[in-house]
């Protein structure tokens, strides 16, 4: 054997051993705090990306209730809801999430909680599409899936190594973990007094016939999930507010579409005790005030507080509750 061959074999052997040790390290740390692996008892993550950070919160046994949606749900503070209902809410909303992605997060939460206190779904216009949306972006379904093998296959990456190092720093007391409840303060990101001219609501275009108007594939999937929950689990489905001037005009084709979607969402919770459907997408003095919004679809704390009060009232009293906004 030539010197070159021996050198190559030594290099490949060393590389293989190092790769094996690194992979073992990743399994021992469990970079995304998914609960599938991990040996060191490290809790939480430093990650601010809601796409990957929500798994850690979704499996946390300290919570029994969840708020699920995209960035239009992120403003709802779980802590006042917990205080008002005696439940333990966690914020699991994912920025930019589609209904399919939100359902993946919900499934992960349900698999890790035999007892569910309550669920809150914030349904933006994406839920009202009449055809199933193709995957709009890459999403880590492997993180929220039920396969340990598939999950392990994605750990050996730059992001996985970075998260593992961050988790070790938490374990060593060098860094502080994210707020386990997922609380988000909009004013940390969007200064008070500013309104950004962006994010106009993406309402699906009207369909040609009335029959098609009643078809909502994503709503049907949510209905299937809710039907499997015990009847004593309160479920609140709400439509988030948008800046008043973006609300569809009464009598318009888009308004008819929205009404049909709202009716489909309302049927999901019909007959469930302490459950409710609330439509906060209305045009009134509160929603016409730009000071209450960051942009056309993201509201500020005053409106978020009103929404939290409505959710809490619904959980306590059910669909007989009159929700003023």
C-alpha atoms as a PDB file:
ATOM      1  CA  UNK A   1       0.000   0.000   0.000  1.00  0.00           C
ATOM      2  CA  UNK A   2       1.374   3.385  -0.981  1.00  0.00           C
ATOM      3  CA  UNK A   3       1.868   6.244   1.438  1.00  0.00           C
ATOM      4  CA  UNK A   4      -0.906   8.152  -0.320  1.00  0.00           C
ATOM      5  CA  UNK A   5      -3.387   5.302   0.227  1.00  0.00           C
ATOM      6  CA  UNK A   6      -2.504   5.028   3.899  1.00  0.00           C
ATOM      7  CA  UNK A   7      -2.926   8.771   4.302  1.00  0.00           C
ATOM      8  CA  UNK A   8      -6.317   8.699   2.599  1.00  0.00           C
ATOM      9  CA  UNK A   9      -7.519   5.800   4.744  1.00  0.00           C
ATOM     10  CA  UNK A  10      -6.384   7.561   7.890  1.00  0.00           C
ATOM     11  CA  UNK A  11      -8.136  10.745   6.816  1.00  0.00           C
ATOM     12  CA  UNK A  12     -11.397   8.974   6.013  1.00  0.00           C
ATOM     13  CA  UNK A  13     -11.234   6.986   9.218  1.00  0.00           C
ATOM     14  CA  UNK A  14     -10.638  10.074  11.316  1.00  0.00           C
ATOM     15  CA  UNK A  15     -13.417  11.924   9.513  1.00  0.00           C
ATOM     16  CA  UNK A  16     -15.829   9.057  10.130  1.00  0.00           C
ATOM     17  CA  UNK A  17     -14.980   8.881  13.829  1.00  0.00           C
ATOM     18  CA  UNK A  18     -15.363  12.643  14.224  1.00  0.00           C
ATOM     19  CA  UNK A  19     -18.671  12.596  12.365  1.00  0.00           C
ATOM     20  CA  UNK A  20     -19.908   9.767  14.582  1.00  0.00           C
ATOM     21  CA  UNK A  21     -18.904  11.613  17.727  1.00  0.00           C
ATOM     22  CA  UNK A  22     -20.561  14.790  16.497  1.00  0.00           C
ATOM     23  CA  UNK A  23     -23.757  12.917  15.689  1.00  0.00           C
ATOM     24  CA  UNK A  24     -23.731  11.304  19.133  1.00  0.00           C
ATOM     25  CA  UNK A  25     -23.287  14.769  20.641  1.00  0.00           C
ATOM     26  CA  UNK A  26     -26.294  16.065  18.685  1.00  0.00           C
ATOM     27  CA  UNK A  27     -28.468  13.190  19.863  1.00  0.00           C
ATOM     28  CA  UNK A  28     -27.362  13.711  23.459  1.00  0.00           C
ATOM     29  CA  UNK A  29     -28.170  17.441  23.347  1.00  0.00           C
ATOM     30  CA  UNK A  30     -31.352  17.255  21.195  1.00  0.00           C
ATOM     31  CA  UNK A  31     -30.785  20.606  19.408  1.00  0.00           C
ATOM     32  CA  UNK A  32     -34.473  21.515  19.041  1.00  0.00           C
ATOM     33  CA  UNK A  33     -35.541  20.273  22.487  1.00  0.00           C
ATOM     34  CA  UNK A  34     -38.030  17.945  20.822  1.00  0.00           C
ATOM     35  CA  UNK A  35     -37.994  15.384  23.627  1.00  0.00           C
ATOM     36  CA  UNK A  36     -37.042  12.566  21.274  1.00  0.00           C
ATOM     37  CA  UNK A  37     -33.466  12.339  22.486  1.00  0.00           C
ATOM     38  CA  UNK A  38     -31.322  14.245  24.976  1.00  0.00           C
ATOM     39  CA  UNK A  39     -29.361  13.112  27.999  1.00  0.00           C
ATOM     40  CA  UNK A  40     -28.452  16.297  29.865  1.00  0.00           C
ATOM     41  CA  UNK A  41     -31.819  17.579  31.082  1.00  0.00           C
ATOM     42  CA  UNK A  42     -31.471  20.957  29.361  1.00  0.00           C
ATOM     43  CA  UNK A  43     -34.758  22.847  29.147  1.00  0.00           C
ATOM     44  CA  UNK A  44     -35.695  25.227  26.344  1.00  0.00           C
ATOM     45  CA  UNK A  45     -33.959  27.014  23.507  1.00  0.00           C
ATOM     46  CA  UNK A  46     -32.416  30.359  22.657  1.00  0.00           C
ATOM     47  CA  UNK A  47     -33.927  30.273  19.165  1.00  0.00           C
ATOM     48  CA  UNK A  48     -36.146  33.269  18.275  1.00  0.00           C
ATOM     49  CA  UNK A  49     -37.407  31.656  15.087  1.00  0.00           C
ATOM     50  CA  UNK A  50     -40.967  30.544  15.829  1.00  0.00           C
ATOM     51  CA  UNK A  51     -40.771  27.957  13.027  1.00  0.00           C
ATOM     52  CA  UNK A  52     -38.282  25.857  14.979  1.00  0.00           C
ATOM     53  CA  UNK A  53     -38.726  27.137  18.541  1.00  0.00           C
ATOM     54  CA  UNK A  54     -42.393  26.164  18.886  1.00  0.00           C
ATOM     55  CA  UNK A  55     -41.667  22.440  19.235  1.00  0.00           C
ATOM     56  CA  UNK A  56     -39.908  22.973  22.553  1.00  0.00           C
ATOM     57  CA  UNK A  57     -42.876  24.897  23.946  1.00  0.00           C
ATOM     58  CA  UNK A  58     -45.462  22.546  22.431  1.00  0.00           C
ATOM     59  CA  UNK A  59     -44.184  19.572  24.402  1.00  0.00           C
ATOM     60  CA  UNK A  60     -43.724  21.430  27.695  1.00  0.00           C
ATOM     61  CA  UNK A  61     -45.794  19.629  30.376  1.00  0.00           C
ATOM     62  CA  UNK A  62     -46.140  22.865  32.341  1.00  0.00           C
ATOM     63  CA  UNK A  63     -48.809  23.979  29.852  1.00  0.00           C
ATOM     64  CA  UNK A  64     -52.128  22.364  29.019  1.00  0.00           C
ATOM     65  CA  UNK A  65     -53.649  24.924  26.631  1.00  0.00           C
ATOM     66  CA  UNK A  66     -52.418  26.538  23.425  1.00  0.00           C
ATOM     67  CA  UNK A  67     -52.854  29.522  21.113  1.00  0.00           C
ATOM     68  CA  UNK A  68     -52.210  28.470  17.509  1.00  0.00           C
ATOM     69  CA  UNK A  69     -51.999  30.598  14.385  1.00  0.00           C
ATOM     70  CA  UNK A  70     -49.510  32.675  12.449  1.00  0.00           C
ATOM     71  CA  UNK A  71     -48.145  36.145  13.205  1.00  0.00           C
ATOM     72  CA  UNK A  72     -51.696  37.504  13.495  1.00  0.00           C
ATOM     73  CA  UNK A  73     -52.035  35.356  16.636  1.00  0.00           C
ATOM     74  CA  UNK A  74     -48.610  36.078  18.063  1.00  0.00           C
ATOM     75  CA  UNK A  75     -49.793  39.281  19.756  1.00  0.00           C
ATOM     76  CA  UNK A  76     -52.152  37.384  22.081  1.00  0.00           C
ATOM     77  CA  UNK A  77     -50.402  37.156  25.432  1.00  0.00           C
ATOM     78  CA  UNK A  78     -50.882  33.711  27.020  1.00  0.00           C
ATOM     79  CA  UNK A  79     -50.266  34.908  30.587  1.00  0.00           C
ATOM     80  CA  UNK A  80     -53.462  36.979  31.093  1.00  0.00           C
ATOM     81  CA  UNK A  81     -55.428  34.117  29.546  1.00  0.00           C
ATOM     82  CA  UNK A  82     -53.928  31.699  32.053  1.00  0.00           C
ATOM     83  CA  UNK A  83     -54.796  34.014  34.934  1.00  0.00           C
ATOM     84  CA  UNK A  84     -58.355  34.574  33.717  1.00  0.00           C
ATOM     85  CA  UNK A  85     -59.182  30.917  33.076  1.00  0.00           C
ATOM     86  CA  UNK A  86     -57.062  28.993  35.624  1.00  0.00           C
ATOM     87  CA  UNK A  87     -55.599  27.114  32.657  1.00  0.00           C
ATOM     88  CA  UNK A  88     -51.953  27.163  31.546  1.00  0.00           C
ATOM     89  CA  UNK A  89     -51.653  28.698  28.078  1.00  0.00           C
ATOM     90  CA  UNK A  90     -48.642  28.589  25.783  1.00  0.00           C
ATOM     91  CA  UNK A  91     -48.191  30.662  22.623  1.00  0.00           C
ATOM     92  CA  UNK A  92     -47.468  28.334  19.668  1.00  0.00           C
ATOM     93  CA  UNK A  93     -48.058  30.672  16.742  1.00  0.00           C
ATOM     94  CA  UNK A  94     -45.589  30.469  13.866  1.00  0.00           C
ATOM     95  CA  UNK A  95     -44.718  33.541  11.831  1.00  0.00           C
ATOM     96  CA  UNK A  96     -45.775  33.129   8.202  1.00  0.00           C
ATOM     97  CA  UNK A  97     -47.452  29.780   8.843  1.00  0.00           C
ATOM     98  CA  UNK A  98     -50.032  28.292   6.490  1.00  0.00           C
ATOM     99  CA  UNK A  99     -52.983  26.268   7.856  1.00  0.00           C
ATOM    100  CA  UNK A 100     -51.135  23.046   7.044  1.00  0.00           C
ATOM    101  CA  UNK A 101     -48.165  24.151   9.135  1.00  0.00           C
ATOM    102  CA  UNK A 102     -50.385  25.286  11.999  1.00  0.00           C
ATOM    103  CA  UNK A 103     -52.086  21.885  12.000  1.00  0.00           C
ATOM    104  CA  UNK A 104     -48.660  20.212  12.201  1.00  0.00           C
ATOM    105  CA  UNK A 105     -47.874  22.239  15.319  1.00  0.00           C
ATOM    106  CA  UNK A 106     -51.291  21.372  16.763  1.00  0.00           C
ATOM    107  CA  UNK A 107     -50.720  17.671  16.144  1.00  0.00           C
ATOM    108  CA  UNK A 108     -47.359  17.840  17.924  1.00  0.00           C
ATOM    109  CA  UNK A 109     -48.975  19.595  20.904  1.00  0.00           C
ATOM    110  CA  UNK A 110     -51.776  17.031  21.143  1.00  0.00           C
ATOM    111  CA  UNK A 111     -49.356  14.098  20.992  1.00  0.00           C
ATOM    112  CA  UNK A 112     -47.541  15.488  24.022  1.00  0.00           C
ATOM    113  CA  UNK A 113     -50.620  16.333  26.114  1.00  0.00           C
ATOM    114  CA  UNK A 114     -53.048  13.627  27.116  1.00  0.00           C
ATOM    115  CA  UNK A 115     -55.108  16.207  28.949  1.00  0.00           C
ATOM    116  CA  UNK A 116     -55.888  19.403  27.062  1.00  0.00           C
ATOM    117  CA  UNK A 117     -57.273  22.393  28.933  1.00  0.00           C
ATOM    118  CA  UNK A 118     -58.377  24.560  25.986  1.00  0.00           C
ATOM    119  CA  UNK A 119     -57.394  25.459  22.431  1.00  0.00           C
ATOM    120  CA  UNK A 120     -57.499  28.808  20.649  1.00  0.00           C
ATOM    121  CA  UNK A 121     -57.214  28.983  16.853  1.00  0.00           C
ATOM    122  CA  UNK A 122     -56.618  32.247  15.042  1.00  0.00           C
ATOM    123  CA  UNK A 123     -57.771  31.791  11.446  1.00  0.00           C
ATOM    124  CA  UNK A 124     -56.612  34.346   8.904  1.00  0.00           C
ATOM    125  CA  UNK A 125     -57.853  34.427   5.260  1.00  0.00           C
ATOM    126  CA  UNK A 126     -55.526  31.537   4.382  1.00  0.00           C
ATOM    127  CA  UNK A 127     -58.032  29.190   5.997  1.00  0.00           C
ATOM    128  CA  UNK A 128     -60.712  30.328   3.548  1.00  0.00           C
ATOM    129  CA  UNK A 129     -59.096  29.100   0.350  1.00  0.00           C
ATOM    130  CA  UNK A 130     -61.211  26.688  -1.689  1.00  0.00           C
ATOM    131  CA  UNK A 131     -58.356  24.475  -2.828  1.00  0.00           C
ATOM    132  CA  UNK A 132     -55.559  22.973  -0.788  1.00  0.00           C
ATOM    133  CA  UNK A 133     -52.576  25.275  -0.921  1.00  0.00           C
ATOM    134  CA  UNK A 134     -49.322  23.904  -2.228  1.00  0.00           C
ATOM    135  CA  UNK A 135     -46.412  24.135   0.182  1.00  0.00           C
ATOM    136  CA  UNK A 136     -45.574  27.871   0.114  1.00  0.00           C
ATOM    137  CA  UNK A 137     -42.164  27.432   1.714  1.00  0.00           C
ATOM    138  CA  UNK A 138     -39.875  24.916   3.291  1.00  0.00           C
ATOM    139  CA  UNK A 139     -41.213  23.957   6.715  1.00  0.00           C
ATOM    140  CA  UNK A 140     -39.640  21.466   9.171  1.00  0.00           C
ATOM    141  CA  UNK A 141     -42.396  18.882   9.180  1.00  0.00           C
ATOM    142  CA  UNK A 142     -39.688  16.462  10.332  1.00  0.00           C
ATOM    143  CA  UNK A 143     -39.484  18.444  13.591  1.00  0.00           C
ATOM    144  CA  UNK A 144     -43.214  18.148  14.257  1.00  0.00           C
ATOM    145  CA  UNK A 145     -43.684  14.647  12.854  1.00  0.00           C
ATOM    146  CA  UNK A 146     -43.828  11.391  14.813  1.00  0.00           C
ATOM    147  CA  UNK A 147     -40.680   9.686  13.477  1.00  0.00           C
ATOM    148  CA  UNK A 148     -37.551   9.677  15.637  1.00  0.00           C
ATOM    149  CA  UNK A 149     -35.545   8.344  12.710  1.00  0.00           C
ATOM    150  CA  UNK A 150     -36.585  11.112  10.320  1.00  0.00           C
ATOM    151  CA  UNK A 151     -35.907  13.709  13.004  1.00  0.00           C
ATOM    152  CA  UNK A 152     -32.440  12.315  13.663  1.00  0.00           C
ATOM    153  CA  UNK A 153     -31.673  12.468   9.954  1.00  0.00           C
ATOM    154  CA  UNK A 154     -32.045  16.264   9.959  1.00  0.00           C
ATOM    155  CA  UNK A 155     -29.874  16.979  12.992  1.00  0.00           C
ATOM    156  CA  UNK A 156     -26.518  16.738  11.215  1.00  0.00           C
ATOM    157  CA  UNK A 157     -26.579  20.241   9.761  1.00  0.00           C
ATOM    158  CA  UNK A 158     -25.186  23.672  10.410  1.00  0.00           C
ATOM    159  CA  UNK A 159     -28.439  24.773  12.043  1.00  0.00           C
ATOM    160  CA  UNK A 160     -28.567  21.638  14.176  1.00  0.00           C
ATOM    161  CA  UNK A 161     -25.009  22.165  15.408  1.00  0.00           C
ATOM    162  CA  UNK A 162     -25.688  25.833  16.150  1.00  0.00           C
ATOM    163  CA  UNK A 163     -28.812  25.002  18.169  1.00  0.00           C
ATOM    164  CA  UNK A 164     -26.941  22.280  20.031  1.00  0.00           C
ATOM    165  CA  UNK A 165     -24.228  24.736  21.071  1.00  0.00           C
ATOM    166  CA  UNK A 166     -26.892  27.209  22.203  1.00  0.00           C
ATOM    167  CA  UNK A 167     -28.581  24.505  24.257  1.00  0.00           C
ATOM    168  CA  UNK A 168     -25.289  23.579  25.915  1.00  0.00           C
ATOM    169  CA  UNK A 169     -24.807  27.238  26.812  1.00  0.00           C
ATOM    170  CA  UNK A 170     -28.225  27.160  28.518  1.00  0.00           C
ATOM    171  CA  UNK A 171     -27.219  24.065  30.446  1.00  0.00           C
ATOM    172  CA  UNK A 172     -23.991  25.743  31.574  1.00  0.00           C
ATOM    173  CA  UNK A 173     -25.841  28.853  32.676  1.00  0.00           C
ATOM    174  CA  UNK A 174     -24.142  31.022  30.063  1.00  0.00           C
ATOM    175  CA  UNK A 175     -27.340  31.977  28.235  1.00  0.00           C
ATOM    176  CA  UNK A 176     -30.978  32.376  29.211  1.00  0.00           C
ATOM    177  CA  UNK A 177     -33.621  30.263  27.529  1.00  0.00           C
ATOM    178  CA  UNK A 178     -36.569  31.779  25.678  1.00  0.00           C
ATOM    179  CA  UNK A 179     -39.653  32.632  27.683  1.00  0.00           C
ATOM    180  CA  UNK A 180     -41.266  29.177  27.951  1.00  0.00           C
ATOM    181  CA  UNK A 181     -44.763  30.641  27.468  1.00  0.00           C
ATOM    182  CA  UNK A 182     -43.813  32.179  24.098  1.00  0.00           C
ATOM    183  CA  UNK A 183     -44.954  35.668  25.108  1.00  0.00           C
ATOM    184  CA  UNK A 184     -44.208  38.253  22.413  1.00  0.00           C
ATOM    185  CA  UNK A 185     -44.119  41.996  22.955  1.00  0.00           C
ATOM    186  CA  UNK A 186     -44.870  43.734  19.678  1.00  0.00           C
ATOM    187  CA  UNK A 187     -43.460  47.035  20.876  1.00  0.00           C
ATOM    188  CA  UNK A 188     -40.021  45.468  21.207  1.00  0.00           C
ATOM    189  CA  UNK A 189     -40.076  45.095  17.416  1.00  0.00           C
ATOM    190  CA  UNK A 190     -42.527  47.727  16.165  1.00  0.00           C
ATOM    191  CA  UNK A 191     -42.152  51.115  17.903  1.00  0.00           C
ATOM    192  CA  UNK A 192     -45.279  52.830  19.191  1.00  0.00           C
ATOM    193  CA  UNK A 193     -46.719  55.476  16.891  1.00  0.00           C
ATOM    194  CA  UNK A 194     -45.640  53.925  13.615  1.00  0.00           C
ATOM    195  CA  UNK A 195     -47.908  52.394  10.979  1.00  0.00           C
ATOM    196  CA  UNK A 196     -46.254  50.428   8.190  1.00  0.00           C
ATOM    197  CA  UNK A 197     -47.974  50.471   4.798  1.00  0.00           C
ATOM    198  CA  UNK A 198     -47.696  46.744   4.148  1.00  0.00           C
ATOM    199  CA  UNK A 199     -49.351  43.345   4.634  1.00  0.00           C
ATOM    200  CA  UNK A 200     -52.741  43.981   3.046  1.00  0.00           C
ATOM    201  CA  UNK A 201     -55.008  40.978   3.846  1.00  0.00           C
ATOM    202  CA  UNK A 202     -54.748  38.284   1.184  1.00  0.00           C
ATOM    203  CA  UNK A 203     -58.405  37.360   0.821  1.00  0.00           C
ATOM    204  CA  UNK A 204     -58.949  34.470  -1.621  1.00  0.00           C
ATOM    205  CA  UNK A 205     -60.600  35.586  -4.875  1.00  0.00           C
ATOM    206  CA  UNK A 206     -64.340  34.874  -5.209  1.00  0.00           C
ATOM    207  CA  UNK A 207     -65.414  31.627  -6.869  1.00  0.00           C
ATOM    208  CA  UNK A 208     -67.902  31.352  -9.716  1.00  0.00           C
ATOM    209  CA  UNK A 209     -70.612  29.189  -8.138  1.00  0.00           C
ATOM    210  CA  UNK A 210     -72.291  28.908  -4.756  1.00  0.00           C
ATOM    211  CA  UNK A 211     -71.415  25.207  -4.347  1.00  0.00           C
ATOM    212  CA  UNK A 212     -67.685  25.881  -4.544  1.00  0.00           C
ATOM    213  CA  UNK A 213     -68.097  28.680  -2.022  1.00  0.00           C
ATOM    214  CA  UNK A 214     -68.936  26.085   0.643  1.00  0.00           C
ATOM    215  CA  UNK A 215     -65.718  24.082   0.164  1.00  0.00           C
ATOM    216  CA  UNK A 216     -62.864  24.852   2.538  1.00  0.00           C
ATOM    217  CA  UNK A 217     -60.340  21.968   2.695  1.00  0.00           C
ATOM    218  CA  UNK A 218     -58.264  23.425   5.525  1.00  0.00           C
ATOM    219  CA  UNK A 219     -61.336  24.163   7.644  1.00  0.00           C
ATOM    220  CA  UNK A 220     -62.449  20.561   7.106  1.00  0.00           C
ATOM    221  CA  UNK A 221     -59.111  19.320   8.451  1.00  0.00           C
ATOM    222  CA  UNK A 222     -59.450  21.457  11.546  1.00  0.00           C
ATOM    223  CA  UNK A 223     -62.982  20.137  11.998  1.00  0.00           C
ATOM    224  CA  UNK A 224     -61.659  16.566  11.889  1.00  0.00           C
ATOM    225  CA  UNK A 225     -59.160  17.345  14.648  1.00  0.00           C
ATOM    226  CA  UNK A 226     -61.666  19.127  16.887  1.00  0.00           C
ATOM    227  CA  UNK A 227     -64.201  16.288  16.537  1.00  0.00           C
ATOM    228  CA  UNK A 228     -61.647  13.917  18.101  1.00  0.00           C
ATOM    229  CA  UNK A 229     -61.224  16.097  21.184  1.00  0.00           C
ATOM    230  CA  UNK A 230     -63.270  15.376  24.317  1.00  0.00           C
ATOM    231  CA  UNK A 231     -66.376  17.572  24.459  1.00  0.00           C
ATOM    232  CA  UNK A 232     -65.218  19.157  27.706  1.00  0.00           C
ATOM    233  CA  UNK A 233     -62.212  20.767  25.977  1.00  0.00           C
ATOM    234  CA  UNK A 234     -63.115  24.401  25.212  1.00  0.00           C
ATOM    235  CA  UNK A 235     -62.259  25.446  21.664  1.00  0.00           C
ATOM    236  CA  UNK A 236     -62.268  29.091  20.605  1.00  0.00           C
ATOM    237  CA  UNK A 237     -61.894  29.885  16.909  1.00  0.00           C
ATOM    238  CA  UNK A 238     -61.462  33.522  16.020  1.00  0.00           C
ATOM    239  CA  UNK A 239     -60.911  35.634  12.938  1.00  0.00           C
ATOM    240  CA  UNK A 240     -58.225  38.219  13.693  1.00  0.00           C
ATOM    241  CA  UNK A 241     -58.940  41.912  13.144  1.00  0.00           C
ATOM    242  CA  UNK A 242     -57.446  43.849  10.271  1.00  0.00           C
ATOM    243  CA  UNK A 243     -57.254  47.586   9.737  1.00  0.00           C
ATOM    244  CA  UNK A 244     -60.865  48.708   9.295  1.00  0.00           C
ATOM    245  CA  UNK A 245     -60.576  49.927   5.715  1.00  0.00           C
ATOM    246  CA  UNK A 246     -59.486  46.434   4.581  1.00  0.00           C
ATOM    247  CA  UNK A 247     -62.687  44.736   5.778  1.00  0.00           C
ATOM    248  CA  UNK A 248     -64.720  43.524   2.748  1.00  0.00           C
ATOM    249  CA  UNK A 249     -67.637  45.822   1.937  1.00  0.00           C
ATOM    250  CA  UNK A 250     -71.082  44.422   2.842  1.00  0.00           C
ATOM    251  CA  UNK A 251     -72.774  42.937  -0.197  1.00  0.00           C
ATOM    252  CA  UNK A 252     -69.528  42.429  -2.124  1.00  0.00           C
ATOM    253  CA  UNK A 253     -68.463  39.069  -3.540  1.00  0.00           C
ATOM    254  CA  UNK A 254     -65.506  38.911  -1.156  1.00  0.00           C
ATOM    255  CA  UNK A 255     -67.821  39.598   1.787  1.00  0.00           C
ATOM    256  CA  UNK A 256     -70.007  36.657   0.692  1.00  0.00           C
ATOM    257  CA  UNK A 257     -66.903  34.461   0.576  1.00  0.00           C
ATOM    258  CA  UNK A 258     -65.900  35.562   4.049  1.00  0.00           C
ATOM    259  CA  UNK A 259     -69.392  34.913   5.430  1.00  0.00           C
ATOM    260  CA  UNK A 260     -69.354  31.382   4.010  1.00  0.00           C
ATOM    261  CA  UNK A 261     -65.968  30.692   5.576  1.00  0.00           C
ATOM    262  CA  UNK A 262     -67.058  32.129   8.902  1.00  0.00           C
ATOM    263  CA  UNK A 263     -70.112  29.874   8.840  1.00  0.00           C
ATOM    264  CA  UNK A 264     -67.903  26.821   8.223  1.00  0.00           C
ATOM    265  CA  UNK A 265     -65.624  27.799  11.113  1.00  0.00           C
ATOM    266  CA  UNK A 266     -68.617  28.417  13.381  1.00  0.00           C
ATOM    267  CA  UNK A 267     -69.968  24.913  12.677  1.00  0.00           C
ATOM    268  CA  UNK A 268     -66.770  23.382  14.078  1.00  0.00           C
ATOM    269  CA  UNK A 269     -67.569  24.578  17.598  1.00  0.00           C
ATOM    270  CA  UNK A 270     -71.371  24.424  17.392  1.00  0.00           C
ATOM    271  CA  UNK A 271     -72.683  22.455  20.351  1.00  0.00           C
ATOM    272  CA  UNK A 272     -69.365  22.297  22.193  1.00  0.00           C
ATOM    273  CA  UNK A 273     -69.636  23.540  25.794  1.00  0.00           C
ATOM    274  CA  UNK A 274     -67.551  26.623  26.627  1.00  0.00           C
ATOM    275  CA  UNK A 275     -66.547  27.005  22.989  1.00  0.00           C
ATOM    276  CA  UNK A 276     -67.133  29.856  20.586  1.00  0.00           C
ATOM    277  CA  UNK A 277     -66.483  31.382  17.174  1.00  0.00           C
ATOM    278  CA  UNK A 278     -65.637  35.081  17.270  1.00  0.00           C
ATOM    279  CA  UNK A 279     -65.288  37.298  14.223  1.00  0.00           C
ATOM    280  CA  UNK A 280     -63.040  40.215  15.130  1.00  0.00           C
ATOM    281  CA  UNK A 281     -62.620  41.332  11.535  1.00  0.00           C
ATOM    282  CA  UNK A 282     -65.016  44.240  11.691  1.00  0.00           C
ATOM    283  CA  UNK A 283     -64.969  47.867  10.612  1.00  0.00           C
ATOM    284  CA  UNK A 284     -65.529  50.067  13.645  1.00  0.00           C
ATOM    285  CA  UNK A 285     -63.923  52.963  15.509  1.00  0.00           C
ATOM    286  CA  UNK A 286     -61.391  50.666  17.167  1.00  0.00           C
ATOM    287  CA  UNK A 287     -60.173  49.076  13.940  1.00  0.00           C
ATOM    288  CA  UNK A 288     -60.191  52.334  11.976  1.00  0.00           C
ATOM    289  CA  UNK A 289     -57.673  53.886  14.367  1.00  0.00           C
ATOM    290  CA  UNK A 290     -54.186  53.397  12.917  1.00  0.00           C
ATOM    291  CA  UNK A 291     -52.687  53.764  16.387  1.00  0.00           C
ATOM    292  CA  UNK A 292     -54.112  50.306  17.173  1.00  0.00           C
ATOM    293  CA  UNK A 293     -52.231  48.613  14.306  1.00  0.00           C
ATOM    294  CA  UNK A 294     -48.655  47.959  13.274  1.00  0.00           C
ATOM    295  CA  UNK A 295     -49.705  47.457   9.652  1.00  0.00           C
ATOM    296  CA  UNK A 296     -52.869  46.296   7.897  1.00  0.00           C
ATOM    297  CA  UNK A 297     -53.033  42.909   9.660  1.00  0.00           C
ATOM    298  CA  UNK A 298     -50.973  43.155  12.867  1.00  0.00           C
ATOM    299  CA  UNK A 299     -52.678  44.814  15.804  1.00  0.00           C
ATOM    300  CA  UNK A 300     -51.184  46.392  18.894  1.00  0.00           C
ATOM    301  CA  UNK A 301     -51.598  45.535  22.624  1.00  0.00           C
ATOM    302  CA  UNK A 302     -54.905  47.407  23.158  1.00  0.00           C
ATOM    303  CA  UNK A 303     -56.684  45.203  20.631  1.00  0.00           C
ATOM    304  CA  UNK A 304     -54.785  42.110  21.781  1.00  0.00           C
ATOM    305  CA  UNK A 305     -56.063  42.726  25.313  1.00  0.00           C
ATOM    306  CA  UNK A 306     -59.646  42.994  24.067  1.00  0.00           C
ATOM    307  CA  UNK A 307     -59.217  39.709  22.180  1.00  0.00           C
ATOM    308  CA  UNK A 308     -57.828  37.994  25.281  1.00  0.00           C
ATOM    309  CA  UNK A 309     -60.809  39.171  27.298  1.00  0.00           C
ATOM    310  CA  UNK A 310     -63.175  37.753  24.684  1.00  0.00           C
ATOM    311  CA  UNK A 311     -61.364  34.410  24.618  1.00  0.00           C
ATOM    312  CA  UNK A 312     -61.454  34.152  28.410  1.00  0.00           C
ATOM    313  CA  UNK A 313     -65.159  35.033  28.519  1.00  0.00           C
ATOM    314  CA  UNK A 314     -65.875  32.395  25.871  1.00  0.00           C
ATOM    315  CA  UNK A 315     -64.006  29.696  27.793  1.00  0.00           C
ATOM    316  CA  UNK A 316     -65.862  30.561  30.988  1.00  0.00           C
ATOM    317  CA  UNK A 317     -69.338  30.973  29.505  1.00  0.00           C
ATOM    318  CA  UNK A 318     -69.370  29.440  26.014  1.00  0.00           C
ATOM    319  CA  UNK A 319     -71.082  30.532  22.819  1.00  0.00           C
ATOM    320  CA  UNK A 320     -73.847  32.347  24.693  1.00  0.00           C
ATOM    321  CA  UNK A 321     -71.297  35.024  25.537  1.00  0.00           C
ATOM    322  CA  UNK A 322     -71.787  38.366  23.825  1.00  0.00           C
ATOM    323  CA  UNK A 323     -68.358  39.523  22.631  1.00  0.00           C
ATOM    324  CA  UNK A 324     -68.051  43.286  22.320  1.00  0.00           C
ATOM    325  CA  UNK A 325     -65.108  44.668  20.397  1.00  0.00           C
END
